[in-house]
Amino acid sequence: MRLFILTRHAHSTLNVESRVNGDPSVPVLLTEDGRQEAAQLGLQLANVPIAICVHTRFRRTLETARIALEGRDVPFVEEPLLDDIDVGELEGETIEEYRAWKREHSRSEPFPGGESLDDAAGRYARAFTHLLERPEPTMLVACHEIPIRYALNAAAGSPDLDGPAHALPNATPYLFDEPALRRAAVHIDALRA
C-alpha cells in the first residue's frame, strides 16, 4: 500500500499576526511553538519509512519538513503546484480582510492581481495527480491548509471543498492511501468545474 502523509506547515509568524501570504518570495519563519510542533510531527513519523518529502516553494513548509525529518536520509523535492493561493494585492492583509473579499466574490473570480480559488483547486488536483505518478511508496507532503482541506473534503465525497473539514491545525499528519488521493484529485476537479 502506498501512503501519502499530508501536513500543513508548523505555526508561523504570520499565524501570530493573522495575515495572509500567497507569495513564496516573502520570508515567513516558524515561531518557537512552530519549531516544537515540527519536532512533534517528527516523533509521530519516526517509525514510518518516508521515501521522499515533497514541499512547496514557501520556506515555512521546508523548515517544517527539515525539523520533522531531522537525522533521516530523506530526499526533498519542491512542488510549486501545492503552493498557497496567490492572493495578489491582498498579500500581507489580515485574515479578516481576506475572508471579507471572499464573501463578496465567487470562487471563479481571481483575487486582485492573483488567482481564483477555482484556479488554485485545479492546480492542487494536478499536484495530487503528479504525486500519484511518482514511484515512492511513502511520501511526506509539507504544504498548506487549503490543499489539504480540499483533499480531505473531496476524498470524502463532500459537495463543498471547504467543508466539512475546514480549520486544520498546523503540523498534523493526514493520511491518504493511493485510491483516496486519486479520489481527491478527481473530485476537486469536478467541484471546481
N, C-alpha and C. Protein backbone atom coordinates (compact mmCIF):
# COMPACT_ATOMS: atom_id res chain seq x y z
N MET A 1 0.84 -1.19 0.00
CA MET A 1 0.00 0.00 0.00
C MET A 1 0.88 1.25 0.00
N ARG A 2 0.58 2.17 -0.88
CA ARG A 2 1.28 3.45 -0.89
C ARG A 2 0.63 4.39 0.11
N LEU A 3 1.45 5.23 0.74
CA LEU A 3 0.96 6.13 1.78
C LEU A 3 1.43 7.54 1.47
N PHE A 4 0.49 8.47 1.49
CA PHE A 4 0.76 9.90 1.29
C PHE A 4 0.38 10.61 2.59
N ILE A 5 1.37 11.21 3.24
CA ILE A 5 1.15 11.89 4.51
C ILE A 5 1.18 13.39 4.23
N LEU A 6 0.02 14.02 4.27
CA LEU A 6 -0.06 15.45 4.03
C LEU A 6 -0.08 16.18 5.35
N THR A 7 0.72 17.24 5.44
CA THR A 7 0.74 18.04 6.66
C THR A 7 0.84 19.51 6.32
N ARG A 8 0.13 20.28 7.09
CA ARG A 8 0.25 21.74 6.99
C ARG A 8 1.56 22.13 7.68
N HIS A 9 2.18 23.19 7.20
CA HIS A 9 3.39 23.70 7.86
C HIS A 9 3.09 24.00 9.34
N ALA A 10 4.14 24.06 10.12
CA ALA A 10 4.00 24.38 11.55
C ALA A 10 3.67 25.87 11.73
N HIS A 11 3.33 26.23 12.95
CA HIS A 11 2.93 27.59 13.33
C HIS A 11 4.00 28.59 12.88
N SER A 12 3.55 29.64 12.19
CA SER A 12 4.48 30.63 11.64
C SER A 12 4.20 32.02 12.20
N THR A 13 5.11 32.94 11.90
CA THR A 13 4.94 34.32 12.38
C THR A 13 3.66 34.95 11.81
N LEU A 14 3.26 34.57 10.59
CA LEU A 14 2.02 35.12 10.04
C LEU A 14 0.79 34.53 10.70
N ASN A 15 0.89 33.30 11.25
CA ASN A 15 -0.22 32.78 12.05
C ASN A 15 -0.43 33.67 13.27
N VAL A 16 0.65 34.12 13.88
CA VAL A 16 0.57 35.00 15.05
C VAL A 16 -0.09 36.32 14.66
N GLU A 17 0.30 36.84 13.50
CA GLU A 17 -0.20 38.14 13.04
C GLU A 17 -1.56 38.06 12.35
N SER A 18 -2.07 36.85 12.10
CA SER A 18 -3.33 36.64 11.38
C SER A 18 -3.33 37.36 10.04
N ARG A 19 -2.25 37.12 9.26
CA ARG A 19 -2.11 37.73 7.94
C ARG A 19 -1.97 36.65 6.89
N VAL A 20 -2.35 36.98 5.64
CA VAL A 20 -2.27 36.03 4.54
C VAL A 20 -0.98 36.22 3.76
N ASN A 21 -0.50 35.12 3.19
CA ASN A 21 0.71 35.14 2.39
C ASN A 21 0.57 34.14 1.26
N GLY A 22 0.56 34.64 0.03
CA GLY A 22 0.49 33.77 -1.13
C GLY A 22 1.66 33.95 -2.06
N ASP A 23 2.68 34.66 -1.59
CA ASP A 23 3.88 34.93 -2.39
C ASP A 23 5.06 34.19 -1.76
N PRO A 24 5.60 33.16 -2.44
CA PRO A 24 6.68 32.38 -1.85
C PRO A 24 7.98 33.16 -1.66
N SER A 25 8.12 34.34 -2.28
CA SER A 25 9.34 35.12 -2.10
C SER A 25 9.34 35.90 -0.78
N VAL A 26 8.18 35.97 -0.11
CA VAL A 26 8.09 36.66 1.18
C VAL A 26 8.57 35.70 2.27
N PRO A 27 9.64 36.04 2.99
CA PRO A 27 10.15 35.12 4.02
C PRO A 27 9.26 35.10 5.26
N VAL A 28 8.76 33.92 5.58
CA VAL A 28 7.92 33.74 6.76
C VAL A 28 8.53 32.59 7.57
N LEU A 29 8.94 32.89 8.78
CA LEU A 29 9.61 31.90 9.62
C LEU A 29 8.63 31.19 10.54
N LEU A 30 9.05 30.04 11.04
CA LEU A 30 8.28 29.37 12.08
C LEU A 30 8.53 30.07 13.40
N THR A 31 7.53 30.04 14.26
CA THR A 31 7.70 30.53 15.62
C THR A 31 8.38 29.44 16.44
N GLU A 32 8.72 29.76 17.68
CA GLU A 32 9.28 28.73 18.57
C GLU A 32 8.25 27.62 18.77
N ASP A 33 6.98 27.98 18.94
CA ASP A 33 5.92 26.96 19.03
C ASP A 33 5.89 26.12 17.76
N GLY A 34 6.08 26.76 16.60
CA GLY A 34 6.08 26.04 15.33
C GLY A 34 7.23 25.04 15.25
N ARG A 35 8.40 25.44 15.71
CA ARG A 35 9.54 24.51 15.70
C ARG A 35 9.26 23.31 16.61
N GLN A 36 8.60 23.56 17.73
CA GLN A 36 8.22 22.45 18.62
C GLN A 36 7.17 21.56 17.97
N GLU A 37 6.20 22.16 17.26
CA GLU A 37 5.19 21.38 16.54
C GLU A 37 5.85 20.50 15.47
N ALA A 38 6.81 21.07 14.76
CA ALA A 38 7.51 20.31 13.72
C ALA A 38 8.29 19.15 14.32
N ALA A 39 8.90 19.38 15.48
CA ALA A 39 9.62 18.29 16.16
C ALA A 39 8.64 17.21 16.61
N GLN A 40 7.47 17.61 17.08
CA GLN A 40 6.43 16.64 17.48
C GLN A 40 5.96 15.84 16.27
N LEU A 41 5.80 16.50 15.14
CA LEU A 41 5.45 15.80 13.91
C LEU A 41 6.51 14.75 13.59
N GLY A 42 7.77 15.09 13.79
CA GLY A 42 8.86 14.15 13.58
C GLY A 42 8.72 12.92 14.46
N LEU A 43 8.31 13.12 15.72
CA LEU A 43 8.09 11.98 16.62
C LEU A 43 6.95 11.10 16.12
N GLN A 44 5.89 11.74 15.61
CA GLN A 44 4.75 10.97 15.09
C GLN A 44 5.13 10.15 13.87
N LEU A 45 6.12 10.63 13.11
CA LEU A 45 6.52 9.95 11.88
C LEU A 45 7.77 9.09 12.04
N ALA A 46 8.32 9.05 13.24
CA ALA A 46 9.61 8.40 13.47
C ALA A 46 9.65 6.94 13.03
N ASN A 47 8.54 6.23 13.11
CA ASN A 47 8.52 4.81 12.78
C ASN A 47 7.89 4.52 11.42
N VAL A 48 7.77 5.57 10.61
CA VAL A 48 7.24 5.42 9.25
C VAL A 48 8.41 5.62 8.29
N PRO A 49 8.66 4.66 7.40
CA PRO A 49 9.77 4.81 6.46
C PRO A 49 9.42 5.77 5.32
N ILE A 50 9.77 7.03 5.49
CA ILE A 50 9.48 8.06 4.49
C ILE A 50 10.50 7.95 3.36
N ALA A 51 10.02 7.75 2.13
CA ALA A 51 10.93 7.60 0.99
C ALA A 51 11.31 8.94 0.38
N ILE A 52 10.42 9.93 0.48
CA ILE A 52 10.67 11.25 -0.10
C ILE A 52 9.80 12.28 0.61
N CYS A 53 10.28 13.52 0.63
CA CYS A 53 9.49 14.63 1.17
C CYS A 53 9.27 15.65 0.07
N VAL A 54 8.03 15.97 -0.15
CA VAL A 54 7.65 17.00 -1.12
C VAL A 54 7.21 18.23 -0.33
N HIS A 55 7.68 19.39 -0.73
CA HIS A 55 7.32 20.64 -0.05
C HIS A 55 7.04 21.71 -1.09
N THR A 56 6.46 22.81 -0.67
CA THR A 56 6.15 23.91 -1.58
C THR A 56 7.35 24.86 -1.66
N ARG A 57 7.18 25.95 -2.40
CA ARG A 57 8.25 26.95 -2.50
C ARG A 57 8.31 27.85 -1.27
N PHE A 58 7.36 27.70 -0.37
CA PHE A 58 7.30 28.55 0.81
C PHE A 58 8.24 28.00 1.88
N ARG A 59 9.07 28.88 2.42
CA ARG A 59 10.10 28.47 3.38
C ARG A 59 9.51 27.73 4.58
N ARG A 60 8.32 28.13 5.03
CA ARG A 60 7.76 27.52 6.23
C ARG A 60 7.46 26.03 6.03
N THR A 61 7.16 25.60 4.80
CA THR A 61 6.92 24.17 4.57
C THR A 61 8.23 23.40 4.60
N LEU A 62 9.27 23.96 4.00
CA LEU A 62 10.57 23.30 4.01
C LEU A 62 11.13 23.24 5.43
N GLU A 63 11.01 24.33 6.16
CA GLU A 63 11.51 24.37 7.55
C GLU A 63 10.79 23.33 8.41
N THR A 64 9.49 23.22 8.24
CA THR A 64 8.72 22.22 8.99
C THR A 64 9.22 20.82 8.67
N ALA A 65 9.38 20.53 7.39
CA ALA A 65 9.81 19.19 6.96
C ALA A 65 11.23 18.88 7.45
N ARG A 66 12.12 19.83 7.36
CA ARG A 66 13.51 19.60 7.80
C ARG A 66 13.57 19.27 9.29
N ILE A 67 12.81 19.99 10.08
CA ILE A 67 12.79 19.71 11.52
C ILE A 67 12.18 18.34 11.77
N ALA A 68 11.06 18.06 11.13
CA ALA A 68 10.36 16.78 11.35
C ALA A 68 11.21 15.59 10.92
N LEU A 69 12.02 15.76 9.89
CA LEU A 69 12.81 14.64 9.36
C LEU A 69 14.29 14.73 9.74
N GLU A 70 14.60 15.56 10.70
CA GLU A 70 15.99 15.75 11.11
C GLU A 70 16.65 14.41 11.46
N GLY A 71 17.85 14.21 10.93
CA GLY A 71 18.60 12.99 11.19
C GLY A 71 18.24 11.83 10.29
N ARG A 72 17.27 12.03 9.40
CA ARG A 72 16.86 10.96 8.48
C ARG A 72 17.36 11.28 7.08
N ASP A 73 17.72 10.26 6.35
CA ASP A 73 18.22 10.42 4.99
C ASP A 73 17.05 10.36 4.01
N VAL A 74 16.35 11.49 3.91
CA VAL A 74 15.15 11.57 3.05
C VAL A 74 15.40 12.68 2.03
N PRO A 75 15.26 12.39 0.74
CA PRO A 75 15.40 13.45 -0.26
C PRO A 75 14.21 14.40 -0.23
N PHE A 76 14.48 15.66 -0.57
CA PHE A 76 13.46 16.71 -0.60
C PHE A 76 13.23 17.14 -2.04
N VAL A 77 11.96 17.34 -2.41
CA VAL A 77 11.58 17.78 -3.75
C VAL A 77 10.58 18.92 -3.60
N GLU A 78 10.81 19.99 -4.36
CA GLU A 78 9.91 21.14 -4.33
C GLU A 78 8.80 20.95 -5.36
N GLU A 79 7.54 21.23 -4.93
CA GLU A 79 6.39 21.12 -5.84
C GLU A 79 5.58 22.42 -5.80
N PRO A 80 5.83 23.33 -6.75
CA PRO A 80 5.12 24.62 -6.77
C PRO A 80 3.60 24.49 -6.95
N LEU A 81 3.12 23.40 -7.54
CA LEU A 81 1.67 23.25 -7.72
C LEU A 81 0.92 23.20 -6.39
N LEU A 82 1.62 22.89 -5.31
CA LEU A 82 0.99 22.85 -3.98
C LEU A 82 1.14 24.16 -3.20
N ASP A 83 1.73 25.19 -3.84
CA ASP A 83 1.89 26.48 -3.18
C ASP A 83 0.55 27.01 -2.67
N ASP A 84 0.63 27.86 -1.67
CA ASP A 84 -0.57 28.51 -1.15
C ASP A 84 -1.18 29.38 -2.26
N ILE A 85 -2.42 29.79 -2.08
CA ILE A 85 -3.14 30.56 -3.08
C ILE A 85 -2.48 31.93 -3.26
N ASP A 86 -2.30 32.33 -4.52
CA ASP A 86 -1.76 33.64 -4.84
C ASP A 86 -2.89 34.66 -4.63
N VAL A 87 -2.76 35.43 -3.55
CA VAL A 87 -3.82 36.38 -3.20
C VAL A 87 -3.57 37.77 -3.78
N GLY A 88 -2.54 37.90 -4.60
CA GLY A 88 -2.30 39.16 -5.31
C GLY A 88 -2.18 40.35 -4.39
N GLU A 89 -3.03 41.34 -4.63
CA GLU A 89 -2.98 42.60 -3.87
C GLU A 89 -3.37 42.43 -2.40
N LEU A 90 -3.93 41.28 -2.04
CA LEU A 90 -4.27 41.06 -0.63
C LEU A 90 -3.07 40.53 0.17
N GLU A 91 -1.93 40.36 -0.49
CA GLU A 91 -0.72 39.88 0.17
C GLU A 91 -0.43 40.71 1.43
N GLY A 92 -0.27 40.02 2.55
CA GLY A 92 0.05 40.67 3.81
C GLY A 92 -1.13 41.26 4.56
N GLU A 93 -2.33 41.21 3.94
CA GLU A 93 -3.52 41.73 4.62
C GLU A 93 -3.96 40.75 5.72
N THR A 94 -4.91 41.20 6.52
CA THR A 94 -5.37 40.34 7.61
C THR A 94 -6.27 39.23 7.07
N ILE A 95 -6.37 38.17 7.85
CA ILE A 95 -7.27 37.06 7.51
C ILE A 95 -8.69 37.59 7.36
N GLU A 96 -9.10 38.52 8.21
CA GLU A 96 -10.46 39.07 8.14
C GLU A 96 -10.70 39.80 6.81
N GLU A 97 -9.71 40.56 6.35
CA GLU A 97 -9.85 41.25 5.06
C GLU A 97 -9.93 40.24 3.91
N TYR A 98 -9.13 39.21 4.00
CA TYR A 98 -9.15 38.13 3.01
C TYR A 98 -10.53 37.46 2.98
N ARG A 99 -11.06 37.12 4.16
CA ARG A 99 -12.38 36.47 4.23
C ARG A 99 -13.49 37.40 3.76
N ALA A 100 -13.38 38.68 4.05
CA ALA A 100 -14.39 39.65 3.60
C ALA A 100 -14.40 39.70 2.07
N TRP A 101 -13.22 39.69 1.45
CA TRP A 101 -13.16 39.69 -0.02
C TRP A 101 -13.81 38.42 -0.56
N LYS A 102 -13.50 37.28 0.04
CA LYS A 102 -14.07 36.00 -0.41
C LYS A 102 -15.59 36.00 -0.32
N ARG A 103 -16.15 36.58 0.74
CA ARG A 103 -17.61 36.61 0.90
C ARG A 103 -18.28 37.40 -0.21
N GLU A 104 -17.60 38.38 -0.75
CA GLU A 104 -18.18 39.27 -1.76
C GLU A 104 -17.95 38.79 -3.19
N HIS A 105 -17.20 37.70 -3.38
CA HIS A 105 -16.83 37.26 -4.72
C HIS A 105 -17.02 35.75 -4.86
N SER A 106 -17.18 35.31 -6.07
CA SER A 106 -17.34 33.87 -6.33
C SER A 106 -15.98 33.18 -6.36
N ARG A 107 -16.01 31.87 -6.27
CA ARG A 107 -14.78 31.06 -6.31
C ARG A 107 -14.05 31.22 -7.65
N SER A 108 -14.76 31.58 -8.69
CA SER A 108 -14.15 31.68 -10.02
C SER A 108 -13.49 33.04 -10.26
N GLU A 109 -13.74 34.02 -9.38
CA GLU A 109 -13.15 35.35 -9.55
C GLU A 109 -11.75 35.39 -8.93
N PRO A 110 -10.75 35.82 -9.69
CA PRO A 110 -9.41 35.90 -9.13
C PRO A 110 -9.29 37.00 -8.09
N PHE A 111 -8.44 36.76 -7.09
CA PHE A 111 -8.08 37.83 -6.18
C PHE A 111 -7.42 38.92 -7.02
N PRO A 112 -7.58 40.21 -6.68
CA PRO A 112 -6.99 41.28 -7.49
C PRO A 112 -5.49 41.05 -7.67
N GLY A 113 -5.06 40.83 -8.91
CA GLY A 113 -3.66 40.58 -9.19
C GLY A 113 -3.19 39.18 -8.84
N GLY A 114 -4.13 38.28 -8.48
CA GLY A 114 -3.77 36.92 -8.08
C GLY A 114 -4.54 35.88 -8.86
N GLU A 115 -4.82 34.77 -8.24
CA GLU A 115 -5.55 33.68 -8.88
C GLU A 115 -6.88 33.45 -8.18
N SER A 116 -7.77 32.74 -8.83
CA SER A 116 -9.06 32.41 -8.21
C SER A 116 -8.93 31.15 -7.36
N LEU A 117 -9.89 30.94 -6.49
CA LEU A 117 -9.92 29.71 -5.69
C LEU A 117 -10.10 28.49 -6.60
N ASP A 118 -10.91 28.63 -7.65
CA ASP A 118 -11.08 27.53 -8.60
C ASP A 118 -9.80 27.21 -9.34
N ASP A 119 -9.04 28.25 -9.73
CA ASP A 119 -7.76 28.02 -10.40
C ASP A 119 -6.80 27.29 -9.45
N ALA A 120 -6.77 27.71 -8.21
CA ALA A 120 -5.90 27.05 -7.22
C ALA A 120 -6.34 25.61 -7.02
N ALA A 121 -7.65 25.37 -6.97
CA ALA A 121 -8.15 24.00 -6.82
C ALA A 121 -7.69 23.12 -7.98
N GLY A 122 -7.75 23.65 -9.19
CA GLY A 122 -7.27 22.90 -10.35
C GLY A 122 -5.78 22.59 -10.24
N ARG A 123 -5.04 23.55 -9.74
CA ARG A 123 -3.60 23.37 -9.53
C ARG A 123 -3.35 22.26 -8.51
N TYR A 124 -4.16 22.24 -7.43
CA TYR A 124 -3.99 21.20 -6.40
C TYR A 124 -4.35 19.82 -6.95
N ALA A 125 -5.39 19.75 -7.77
CA ALA A 125 -5.76 18.46 -8.38
C ALA A 125 -4.60 17.95 -9.24
N ARG A 126 -3.99 18.84 -10.03
CA ARG A 126 -2.83 18.45 -10.84
C ARG A 126 -1.66 18.01 -9.96
N ALA A 127 -1.46 18.71 -8.86
CA ALA A 127 -0.37 18.35 -7.94
C ALA A 127 -0.57 16.95 -7.37
N PHE A 128 -1.79 16.65 -6.94
CA PHE A 128 -2.05 15.32 -6.38
C PHE A 128 -1.88 14.24 -7.45
N THR A 129 -2.26 14.54 -8.68
CA THR A 129 -2.05 13.59 -9.78
C THR A 129 -0.55 13.37 -9.99
N HIS A 130 0.25 14.45 -9.93
CA HIS A 130 1.70 14.31 -10.06
C HIS A 130 2.28 13.45 -8.93
N LEU A 131 1.78 13.64 -7.72
CA LEU A 131 2.26 12.81 -6.60
C LEU A 131 1.95 11.34 -6.85
N LEU A 132 0.77 11.08 -7.38
CA LEU A 132 0.39 9.69 -7.67
C LEU A 132 1.27 9.07 -8.75
N GLU A 133 1.80 9.88 -9.64
CA GLU A 133 2.66 9.38 -10.71
C GLU A 133 4.07 9.06 -10.24
N ARG A 134 4.44 9.55 -9.06
CA ARG A 134 5.78 9.28 -8.52
C ARG A 134 5.84 7.82 -8.05
N PRO A 135 7.04 7.22 -8.02
CA PRO A 135 7.14 5.80 -7.66
C PRO A 135 7.28 5.51 -6.17
N GLU A 136 7.57 6.51 -5.35
CA GLU A 136 7.88 6.24 -3.94
C GLU A 136 6.68 5.66 -3.20
N PRO A 137 6.91 4.68 -2.32
CA PRO A 137 5.81 4.05 -1.60
C PRO A 137 5.24 4.91 -0.47
N THR A 138 6.09 5.74 0.15
CA THR A 138 5.64 6.56 1.27
C THR A 138 6.20 7.96 1.12
N MET A 139 5.32 8.95 1.19
CA MET A 139 5.70 10.32 0.90
C MET A 139 5.15 11.26 1.97
N LEU A 140 6.02 12.13 2.48
CA LEU A 140 5.58 13.22 3.33
C LEU A 140 5.41 14.44 2.43
N VAL A 141 4.25 15.09 2.53
CA VAL A 141 3.95 16.26 1.71
C VAL A 141 3.69 17.43 2.66
N ALA A 142 4.64 18.35 2.74
CA ALA A 142 4.51 19.53 3.60
C ALA A 142 3.99 20.68 2.75
N CYS A 143 2.76 21.10 3.04
CA CYS A 143 2.16 22.15 2.22
C CYS A 143 1.36 23.10 3.09
N HIS A 144 0.15 23.42 2.69
CA HIS A 144 -0.65 24.47 3.32
C HIS A 144 -2.05 23.95 3.64
N GLU A 145 -2.78 24.70 4.43
CA GLU A 145 -4.09 24.26 4.89
C GLU A 145 -5.07 24.00 3.73
N ILE A 146 -5.14 24.90 2.76
CA ILE A 146 -6.18 24.80 1.74
C ILE A 146 -6.04 23.55 0.87
N PRO A 147 -4.87 23.20 0.34
CA PRO A 147 -4.82 21.95 -0.44
C PRO A 147 -5.17 20.71 0.38
N ILE A 148 -4.80 20.71 1.64
CA ILE A 148 -5.14 19.55 2.49
C ILE A 148 -6.64 19.52 2.75
N ARG A 149 -7.22 20.67 3.06
CA ARG A 149 -8.67 20.76 3.29
C ARG A 149 -9.43 20.28 2.05
N TYR A 150 -9.03 20.76 0.88
CA TYR A 150 -9.68 20.34 -0.35
C TYR A 150 -9.55 18.83 -0.55
N ALA A 151 -8.36 18.28 -0.28
CA ALA A 151 -8.14 16.84 -0.45
C ALA A 151 -9.01 16.04 0.52
N LEU A 152 -9.06 16.45 1.78
CA LEU A 152 -9.88 15.74 2.77
C LEU A 152 -11.35 15.73 2.38
N ASN A 153 -11.85 16.90 2.03
CA ASN A 153 -13.27 17.01 1.70
C ASN A 153 -13.61 16.31 0.39
N ALA A 154 -12.75 16.45 -0.61
CA ALA A 154 -13.01 15.82 -1.89
C ALA A 154 -12.91 14.30 -1.80
N ALA A 155 -11.93 13.78 -1.08
CA ALA A 155 -11.79 12.32 -0.94
C ALA A 155 -12.99 11.72 -0.24
N ALA A 156 -13.61 12.49 0.66
CA ALA A 156 -14.79 12.02 1.38
C ALA A 156 -16.07 12.18 0.57
N GLY A 157 -15.97 12.79 -0.61
CA GLY A 157 -17.15 12.96 -1.46
C GLY A 157 -18.01 14.15 -1.12
N SER A 158 -17.48 15.10 -0.35
CA SER A 158 -18.26 16.28 0.02
C SER A 158 -18.61 17.11 -1.21
N PRO A 159 -19.80 17.74 -1.21
CA PRO A 159 -20.15 18.62 -2.31
C PRO A 159 -19.49 20.00 -2.20
N ASP A 160 -18.70 20.21 -1.14
CA ASP A 160 -18.09 21.51 -0.86
C ASP A 160 -16.62 21.32 -0.51
N LEU A 161 -15.73 21.97 -1.25
CA LEU A 161 -14.29 21.84 -0.97
C LEU A 161 -13.92 22.41 0.39
N ASP A 162 -14.74 23.33 0.90
CA ASP A 162 -14.43 23.97 2.18
C ASP A 162 -15.07 23.29 3.39
N GLY A 163 -15.73 22.16 3.19
CA GLY A 163 -16.35 21.50 4.35
C GLY A 163 -16.63 20.05 4.05
N PRO A 164 -16.81 19.24 5.06
CA PRO A 164 -16.95 19.63 6.46
C PRO A 164 -15.64 19.98 7.15
N ALA A 165 -14.50 19.42 6.73
CA ALA A 165 -13.23 19.81 7.34
C ALA A 165 -12.93 21.24 6.91
N HIS A 166 -12.64 22.10 7.87
CA HIS A 166 -12.36 23.49 7.50
C HIS A 166 -11.07 24.00 8.12
N ALA A 167 -11.05 24.26 9.40
CA ALA A 167 -9.85 24.80 10.04
C ALA A 167 -8.97 23.63 10.48
N LEU A 168 -7.81 23.52 9.84
CA LEU A 168 -6.91 22.40 10.13
C LEU A 168 -5.73 22.88 10.97
N PRO A 169 -5.37 22.12 11.98
CA PRO A 169 -4.23 22.53 12.82
C PRO A 169 -2.90 22.39 12.08
N ASN A 170 -1.93 23.13 12.54
CA ASN A 170 -0.59 23.08 11.97
C ASN A 170 0.10 21.76 12.32
N ALA A 171 0.99 21.33 11.43
CA ALA A 171 1.90 20.19 11.66
C ALA A 171 1.18 18.93 12.14
N THR A 172 0.03 18.67 11.55
CA THR A 172 -0.74 17.47 11.86
C THR A 172 -0.75 16.57 10.64
N PRO A 173 -0.41 15.28 10.79
CA PRO A 173 -0.40 14.40 9.62
C PRO A 173 -1.80 13.92 9.23
N TYR A 174 -2.10 14.02 7.94
CA TYR A 174 -3.35 13.49 7.37
C TYR A 174 -2.95 12.41 6.38
N LEU A 175 -3.50 11.21 6.54
CA LEU A 175 -3.07 10.05 5.78
C LEU A 175 -4.02 9.74 4.63
N PHE A 176 -3.43 9.49 3.47
CA PHE A 176 -4.18 9.11 2.28
C PHE A 176 -3.50 7.90 1.67
N ASP A 177 -4.29 6.88 1.33
CA ASP A 177 -3.73 5.82 0.50
C ASP A 177 -3.90 6.26 -0.96
N GLU A 178 -3.43 5.45 -1.88
CA GLU A 178 -3.46 5.83 -3.30
C GLU A 178 -4.88 6.06 -3.81
N PRO A 179 -5.86 5.15 -3.52
CA PRO A 179 -7.22 5.41 -4.01
C PRO A 179 -7.83 6.69 -3.43
N ALA A 180 -7.54 7.00 -2.18
CA ALA A 180 -8.11 8.21 -1.57
C ALA A 180 -7.54 9.47 -2.22
N LEU A 181 -6.23 9.48 -2.47
CA LEU A 181 -5.65 10.67 -3.09
C LEU A 181 -6.13 10.81 -4.54
N ARG A 182 -6.32 9.71 -5.22
CA ARG A 182 -6.86 9.75 -6.59
C ARG A 182 -8.30 10.29 -6.57
N ARG A 183 -9.12 9.81 -5.60
CA ARG A 183 -10.49 10.33 -5.46
C ARG A 183 -10.47 11.83 -5.21
N ALA A 184 -9.54 12.26 -4.36
CA ALA A 184 -9.44 13.69 -4.05
C ALA A 184 -9.15 14.49 -5.31
N ALA A 185 -8.18 14.05 -6.10
CA ALA A 185 -7.81 14.79 -7.31
C ALA A 185 -8.99 14.87 -8.29
N VAL A 186 -9.67 13.76 -8.49
CA VAL A 186 -10.79 13.71 -9.43
C VAL A 186 -11.94 14.58 -8.94
N HIS A 187 -12.26 14.48 -7.65
CA HIS A 187 -13.42 15.21 -7.11
C HIS A 187 -13.14 16.71 -7.02
N ILE A 188 -11.90 17.09 -6.71
CA ILE A 188 -11.56 18.52 -6.70
C ILE A 188 -11.81 19.09 -8.09
N ASP A 189 -11.33 18.40 -9.11
CA ASP A 189 -11.54 18.87 -10.48
C ASP A 189 -13.03 18.98 -10.81
N ALA A 190 -13.81 18.00 -10.38
CA ALA A 190 -15.25 18.02 -10.68
C ALA A 190 -15.94 19.18 -9.96
N LEU A 191 -15.55 19.45 -8.72
CA LEU A 191 -16.22 20.51 -7.95
C LEU A 191 -15.87 21.91 -8.42
N ARG A 192 -14.74 22.07 -9.03
CA ARG A 192 -14.35 23.41 -9.47
C ARG A 192 -14.92 23.74 -10.85
N ALA A 193 -15.41 22.74 -11.54
CA ALA A 193 -15.92 22.96 -12.90
C ALA A 193 -17.28 23.63 -12.91
